């Protein structure tokens, strides 16, 4: 039995031949990001770009894939070694620094996994994903690990992260105004509180993020699945996700957050792309005219 026999039995030979060429860019190699990185490596993903500006501290190891042997090392380098220990053939690029200074590192990724807590880097990643046409998967763990959410942001098919965050804070979803979201964890800056509890609470949310990332990498294959929404909200404890309705521990709710047609970040870009697809350039018109003229000449000659 080889290392990948069981994964191959699940996905099939064709998928296992594809995954080594897929690239996952993971921004933020903390508790969630480190788990996602190792999980994807163990699933057969073969290329990684790891971005983080922090070093591992002793206090981190109770909520991190790396252990005390890695204390003092950059988190990206520590996780890169963990990936190679699980998948020796993996190609790993590490970027030690803030993502705002290295957005070009995301180019060419098949999926971007966002594991940062602060909102400003998420918005910078969002704009880069719009620019490069990348799908990103964001995750957040709520205060004390009571739950968390994971969203898949595909700039071709739905909202950008700015749309998503605005919509979530307004408390609306596709079920209508009677199902108002109510986390009870929204801070004065309008963002969801993120004070994770135990490692086991974090990885419940990170496992969903890893699964959604892997599923995106499997697009175009029989192993790919269609999700019932673009956002899943996980309850680790009893959590009032929708106002007046408490989700039981270890359950989840799916939500579809739509794009905002007036979004200041993505609306103008989406409209520009649509216009480009719908409109023909002067050169296109000229080529079409020349082709039609040539066809008329051929028909005339044939009839003559």
Protein backbone atom coordinates (compact mmCIF):
# COMPACT_ATOMS: atom_id res chain seq x y z
CA UNK A 1 0.00 0.00 0.00
CA UNK A 2 1.33 3.45 -0.96
CA UNK A 3 0.83 6.70 0.91
CA UNK A 4 -2.03 7.82 -1.33
CA UNK A 5 -3.94 4.55 -1.80
CA UNK A 6 -6.88 5.46 0.43
CA UNK A 7 -7.24 8.95 -1.02
CA UNK A 8 -7.04 7.50 -4.53
CA UNK A 9 -9.81 5.01 -3.72
CA UNK A 10 -11.97 7.97 -2.69
CA UNK A 11 -11.23 10.34 -5.58
CA UNK A 12 -10.02 8.09 -8.38
CA UNK A 13 -6.81 8.05 -10.41
CA UNK A 14 -7.72 11.03 -12.61
CA UNK A 15 -8.32 13.33 -9.65
CA UNK A 16 -5.16 12.20 -7.90
CA UNK A 17 -3.23 13.00 -11.05
CA UNK A 18 -4.73 16.50 -11.02
CA UNK A 19 -4.30 17.55 -7.37
CA UNK A 20 -0.49 17.73 -7.37
CA UNK A 21 -0.74 20.53 -9.96
CA UNK A 22 -3.29 22.56 -7.98
CA UNK A 23 -2.05 25.61 -6.05
CA UNK A 24 -3.50 26.78 -2.74
CA UNK A 25 -2.43 30.20 -1.46
CA UNK A 26 -2.93 30.41 2.29
CA UNK A 27 -2.78 33.83 3.92
CA UNK A 28 -2.39 33.66 7.69
CA UNK A 29 -0.74 30.59 9.17
CA UNK A 30 -2.19 30.76 12.65
CA UNK A 31 -4.49 28.25 14.28
CA UNK A 32 -6.92 27.91 11.38
CA UNK A 33 -4.55 28.50 8.47
CA UNK A 34 -2.00 25.97 9.69
CA UNK A 35 -4.70 23.31 10.01
CA UNK A 36 -6.04 24.03 6.52
CA UNK A 37 -2.55 23.90 4.99
CA UNK A 38 -1.69 20.53 6.50
CA UNK A 39 -5.16 19.12 5.69
CA UNK A 40 -4.84 20.07 2.02
CA UNK A 41 -1.35 18.57 1.85
CA UNK A 42 -2.72 15.33 3.34
CA UNK A 43 -5.46 15.35 0.69
CA UNK A 44 -2.97 15.38 -2.19
CA UNK A 45 -2.72 19.08 -3.06
CA UNK A 46 0.77 19.62 -4.42
CA UNK A 47 1.51 23.35 -4.56
CA UNK A 48 1.32 25.97 -1.83
CA UNK A 49 1.99 29.66 -1.33
CA UNK A 50 2.16 30.49 2.39
CA UNK A 51 1.98 34.12 3.52
CA UNK A 52 2.45 35.26 7.12
CA UNK A 53 4.55 37.89 8.89
CA UNK A 54 4.53 36.35 12.37
CA UNK A 55 6.76 33.96 14.31
CA UNK A 56 5.53 31.07 16.41
CA UNK A 57 5.46 31.77 20.15
CA UNK A 58 5.13 29.30 23.00
CA UNK A 59 1.63 30.59 23.72
CA UNK A 60 0.57 29.72 20.16
CA UNK A 61 1.19 25.99 20.27
CA UNK A 62 -2.02 25.12 22.15
CA UNK A 63 -3.89 26.33 19.05
CA UNK A 64 -1.50 25.55 16.22
CA UNK A 65 -0.49 22.64 14.00
CA UNK A 66 3.19 23.25 14.91
CA UNK A 67 4.59 22.42 18.34
CA UNK A 68 7.19 23.70 20.81
CA UNK A 69 10.07 22.56 18.59
CA UNK A 70 9.15 25.32 16.13
CA UNK A 71 8.98 28.22 18.61
CA UNK A 72 10.87 31.25 17.31
CA UNK A 73 10.53 30.29 13.64
CA UNK A 74 8.33 32.14 11.13
CA UNK A 75 4.96 30.44 11.06
CA UNK A 76 5.08 30.14 7.28
CA UNK A 77 8.37 28.22 7.41
CA UNK A 78 7.16 25.96 10.23
CA UNK A 79 3.99 25.08 8.32
CA UNK A 80 5.99 24.57 5.11
CA UNK A 81 7.98 21.86 6.89
CA UNK A 82 4.76 20.27 8.19
CA UNK A 83 3.45 20.14 4.62
CA UNK A 84 6.63 18.45 3.38
CA UNK A 85 6.46 15.91 6.22
CA UNK A 86 2.99 14.90 4.99
CA UNK A 87 3.58 15.30 1.25
CA UNK A 88 7.26 15.09 0.35
CA UNK A 89 6.62 15.99 -3.29
CA UNK A 90 4.79 19.22 -2.45
CA UNK A 91 6.17 22.50 -3.80
CA UNK A 92 5.97 25.22 -1.15
CA UNK A 93 6.70 28.92 -1.53
CA UNK A 94 6.88 30.94 1.68
CA UNK A 95 6.38 34.70 1.93
CA UNK A 96 7.43 36.24 5.24
CA UNK A 97 5.59 39.52 5.45
CA UNK A 98 2.21 41.22 5.45
CA UNK A 99 -0.08 40.25 2.61
CA UNK A 100 -0.71 43.93 1.79
CA UNK A 101 2.94 44.11 0.68
CA UNK A 102 2.86 40.85 -1.29
CA UNK A 103 -0.48 40.69 -3.08
CA UNK A 104 1.26 39.65 -6.31
CA UNK A 105 2.11 36.33 -4.62
CA UNK A 106 -1.54 35.34 -5.03
CA UNK A 107 -1.39 35.40 -8.84
CA UNK A 108 -1.87 32.00 -10.38
CA UNK A 109 -3.37 30.38 -7.29
CA UNK A 110 -6.30 28.04 -7.88
CA UNK A 111 -7.82 29.01 -4.53
CA UNK A 112 -6.97 31.55 -1.83
CA UNK A 113 -7.53 30.52 1.78
CA UNK A 114 -7.86 33.52 4.09
CA UNK A 115 -6.92 32.83 7.70
CA UNK A 116 -6.35 36.37 9.01
CA UNK A 117 -8.51 37.91 11.73
CA UNK A 118 -8.22 41.62 10.93
CA UNK A 119 -10.57 43.19 8.42
CA UNK A 120 -8.12 45.51 6.54
CA UNK A 121 -6.03 42.60 5.16
CA UNK A 122 -9.24 40.82 4.10
CA UNK A 123 -10.29 43.83 2.06
CA UNK A 124 -6.84 44.03 0.46
CA UNK A 125 -7.05 40.32 -0.41
CA UNK A 126 -10.54 40.87 -1.78
CA UNK A 127 -9.37 43.58 -4.17
CA UNK A 128 -6.45 41.42 -5.31
CA UNK A 129 -8.78 38.48 -5.94
CA UNK A 130 -11.06 40.70 -8.00
CA UNK A 131 -8.06 41.96 -9.97
CA UNK A 132 -6.65 38.48 -10.64
CA UNK A 133 -10.00 36.65 -10.92
CA UNK A 134 -9.35 34.37 -7.92
CA UNK A 135 -11.78 32.48 -5.71
CA UNK A 136 -11.17 32.98 -1.99
CA UNK A 137 -12.48 31.19 1.07
CA UNK A 138 -12.69 33.24 4.27
CA UNK A 139 -13.25 31.89 7.78
CA UNK A 140 -13.77 33.41 11.19
CA UNK A 141 -14.15 31.92 14.66
CA UNK A 142 -16.48 33.68 17.07
CA UNK A 143 -15.74 34.73 20.60
CA UNK A 144 -14.74 31.87 22.92
CA UNK A 145 -15.10 29.42 20.05
CA UNK A 146 -18.91 29.45 20.23
CA UNK A 147 -19.05 29.01 16.50
CA UNK A 148 -17.77 30.46 13.28
CA UNK A 149 -18.49 31.06 9.63
CA UNK A 150 -16.90 30.14 6.32
CA UNK A 151 -17.74 31.80 3.02
CA UNK A 152 -16.74 31.08 -0.55
CA UNK A 153 -16.23 34.25 -2.57
CA UNK A 154 -16.17 33.66 -6.32
CA UNK A 155 -15.94 37.02 -8.13
CA UNK A 156 -17.51 35.45 -11.23
CA UNK A 157 -20.62 34.09 -9.54
CA UNK A 158 -21.49 36.07 -6.43
CA UNK A 159 -20.54 38.80 -4.00
CA UNK A 160 -17.07 40.06 -3.31
CA UNK A 161 -15.94 40.03 0.31
CA UNK A 162 -17.01 43.67 0.75
CA UNK A 163 -20.56 42.79 -0.38
CA UNK A 164 -20.57 39.76 1.89
CA UNK A 165 -19.38 41.60 5.00
CA UNK A 166 -21.82 44.47 4.49
CA UNK A 167 -24.72 42.10 3.97
CA UNK A 168 -23.86 40.00 6.99
CA UNK A 169 -23.66 43.02 9.26
CA UNK A 170 -27.03 44.20 8.03
CA UNK A 171 -28.44 40.88 9.17
CA UNK A 172 -30.08 39.83 5.91
CA UNK A 173 -29.99 36.58 4.00
CA UNK A 174 -31.82 34.79 1.25
CA UNK A 175 -34.54 33.61 3.61
CA UNK A 176 -35.98 37.09 3.86
CA UNK A 177 -36.27 39.73 6.59
CA UNK A 178 -38.07 37.38 8.96
CA UNK A 179 -34.86 35.38 9.45
CA UNK A 180 -32.57 38.09 10.74
CA UNK A 181 -29.05 37.00 11.62
CA UNK A 182 -28.28 37.57 15.29
CA UNK A 183 -24.80 36.63 16.44
CA UNK A 184 -24.66 38.89 19.48
CA UNK A 185 -20.93 39.20 18.79
CA UNK A 186 -20.71 42.27 16.54
CA UNK A 187 -18.20 44.79 17.85
CA UNK A 188 -18.33 48.61 17.67
CA UNK A 189 -16.37 48.55 14.41
CA UNK A 190 -19.08 46.44 12.78
CA UNK A 191 -17.00 43.28 12.57
CA UNK A 192 -17.55 39.92 14.24
CA UNK A 193 -15.61 39.35 17.44
CA UNK A 194 -12.87 36.73 17.11
CA UNK A 195 -11.58 35.39 20.41
CA UNK A 196 -11.19 31.68 19.72
CA UNK A 197 -11.43 29.21 22.54
CA UNK A 198 -9.79 25.82 22.36
CA UNK A 199 -7.98 24.29 19.39
CA UNK A 200 -10.81 21.80 19.00
CA UNK A 201 -13.26 24.69 18.53
CA UNK A 202 -11.03 26.37 15.95
CA UNK A 203 -10.46 23.27 13.86
CA UNK A 204 -14.17 22.54 13.55
CA UNK A 205 -14.45 25.75 11.55
CA UNK A 206 -11.07 25.29 9.85
CA UNK A 207 -12.09 21.80 8.71
CA UNK A 208 -15.05 23.31 6.86
CA UNK A 209 -12.74 25.89 5.28
CA UNK A 210 -10.31 23.15 4.21
CA UNK A 211 -13.14 21.06 2.78
CA UNK A 212 -14.52 23.99 0.79
CA UNK A 213 -11.02 24.81 -0.50
CA UNK A 214 -10.41 21.21 -1.55
CA UNK A 215 -13.81 21.04 -3.21
CA UNK A 216 -13.00 24.14 -5.25
CA UNK A 217 -9.74 22.54 -6.34
CA UNK A 218 -11.77 19.54 -7.51
CA UNK A 219 -13.95 21.63 -9.85
CA UNK A 220 -14.37 20.01 -13.24
CA UNK A 221 -14.08 16.50 -11.80
CA UNK A 222 -16.76 14.00 -10.67
CA UNK A 223 -15.56 14.51 -7.09
CA UNK A 224 -16.70 18.15 -7.05
CA UNK A 225 -19.82 18.93 -5.01
CA UNK A 226 -22.36 21.76 -5.22
CA UNK A 227 -23.00 23.61 -1.95
CA UNK A 228 -26.47 24.81 -0.87
CA UNK A 229 -25.16 28.35 -0.32
CA UNK A 230 -22.00 30.44 -0.31
CA UNK A 231 -21.78 30.73 3.48
CA UNK A 232 -22.00 28.22 6.29
CA UNK A 233 -22.41 29.26 9.93
CA UNK A 234 -21.23 26.64 12.40
CA UNK A 235 -22.54 26.41 15.97
CA UNK A 236 -20.08 24.77 18.35
CA UNK A 237 -22.37 25.59 21.29
CA UNK A 238 -26.04 26.57 21.33
CA UNK A 239 -25.99 29.70 19.17
CA UNK A 240 -28.77 32.04 18.06
CA UNK A 241 -27.75 32.35 14.42
CA UNK A 242 -31.17 33.50 13.24
CA UNK A 243 -33.18 35.73 15.51
CA UNK A 244 -35.56 33.70 17.61
CA UNK A 245 -34.11 30.34 16.55
CA UNK A 246 -31.23 28.72 18.45
CA UNK A 247 -28.99 26.35 16.55
CA UNK A 248 -28.08 23.29 18.57
CA UNK A 249 -24.43 22.49 19.37
CA UNK A 250 -22.59 20.90 16.42
CA UNK A 251 -25.15 22.02 13.85
CA UNK A 252 -24.87 24.55 11.04
CA UNK A 253 -26.94 26.88 8.86
CA UNK A 254 -26.33 27.63 5.18
CA UNK A 255 -26.83 31.17 3.88
CA UNK A 256 -26.66 32.62 0.38
CA UNK A 257 -25.35 36.18 0.48
CA UNK A 258 -25.96 37.99 -2.84
CA UNK A 259 -23.77 40.51 -4.60
CA UNK A 260 -24.55 44.16 -3.98
CA UNK A 261 -25.20 45.89 -7.35
CA UNK A 262 -24.05 49.16 -5.77
CA UNK A 263 -20.92 47.75 -4.12
CA UNK A 264 -18.16 50.36 -4.30
CA UNK A 265 -15.54 47.61 -4.63
CA UNK A 266 -16.86 45.16 -7.22
CA UNK A 267 -19.92 46.65 -8.93
CA UNK A 268 -18.02 48.85 -11.37
CA UNK A 269 -15.60 46.04 -12.23
CA UNK A 270 -18.44 43.56 -12.78
CA UNK A 271 -20.32 46.01 -15.00
CA UNK A 272 -17.15 46.72 -16.96
CA UNK A 273 -16.58 43.00 -17.54
CA UNK A 274 -20.16 42.52 -18.66
CA UNK A 275 -19.89 45.42 -21.09
CA UNK A 276 -16.65 44.01 -22.46
CA UNK A 277 -18.26 40.64 -23.02
CA UNK A 278 -21.36 42.15 -24.63
CA UNK A 279 -19.70 44.76 -26.84
CA UNK A 280 -17.62 44.14 -29.93
CA UNK A 281 -14.55 46.25 -30.49
CA UNK A 282 -14.00 48.11 -33.76
CA UNK A 283 -11.35 45.55 -34.68
CA UNK A 284 -13.85 42.74 -34.07
CA UNK A 285 -16.40 44.47 -36.30
CA UNK A 286 -13.79 44.99 -39.01
CA UNK A 287 -12.77 41.32 -38.92
CA UNK A 288 -16.41 40.22 -39.06
CA UNK A 289 -17.03 42.52 -42.01
CA UNK A 290 -13.99 41.22 -43.85
CA UNK A 291 -15.04 37.62 -43.20
CA UNK A 292 -18.58 38.30 -44.46
CA UNK A 293 -17.23 40.03 -47.59
CA UNK A 294 -14.91 37.11 -48.31
CA UNK A 295 -17.80 34.67 -47.90
CA UNK A 296 -19.94 36.69 -50.32
CA UNK A 297 -17.10 36.65 -52.88
CA UNK A 298 -16.76 32.88 -52.60
CA UNK A 299 -20.51 32.38 -53.01
CA UNK A 300 -20.57 34.67 -56.06
CA UNK A 301 -17.66 32.82 -57.65
CA UNK A 302 -19.27 29.46 -56.95
CA UNK A 303 -22.54 30.56 -58.53
CA UNK A 304 -20.70 32.04 -61.52
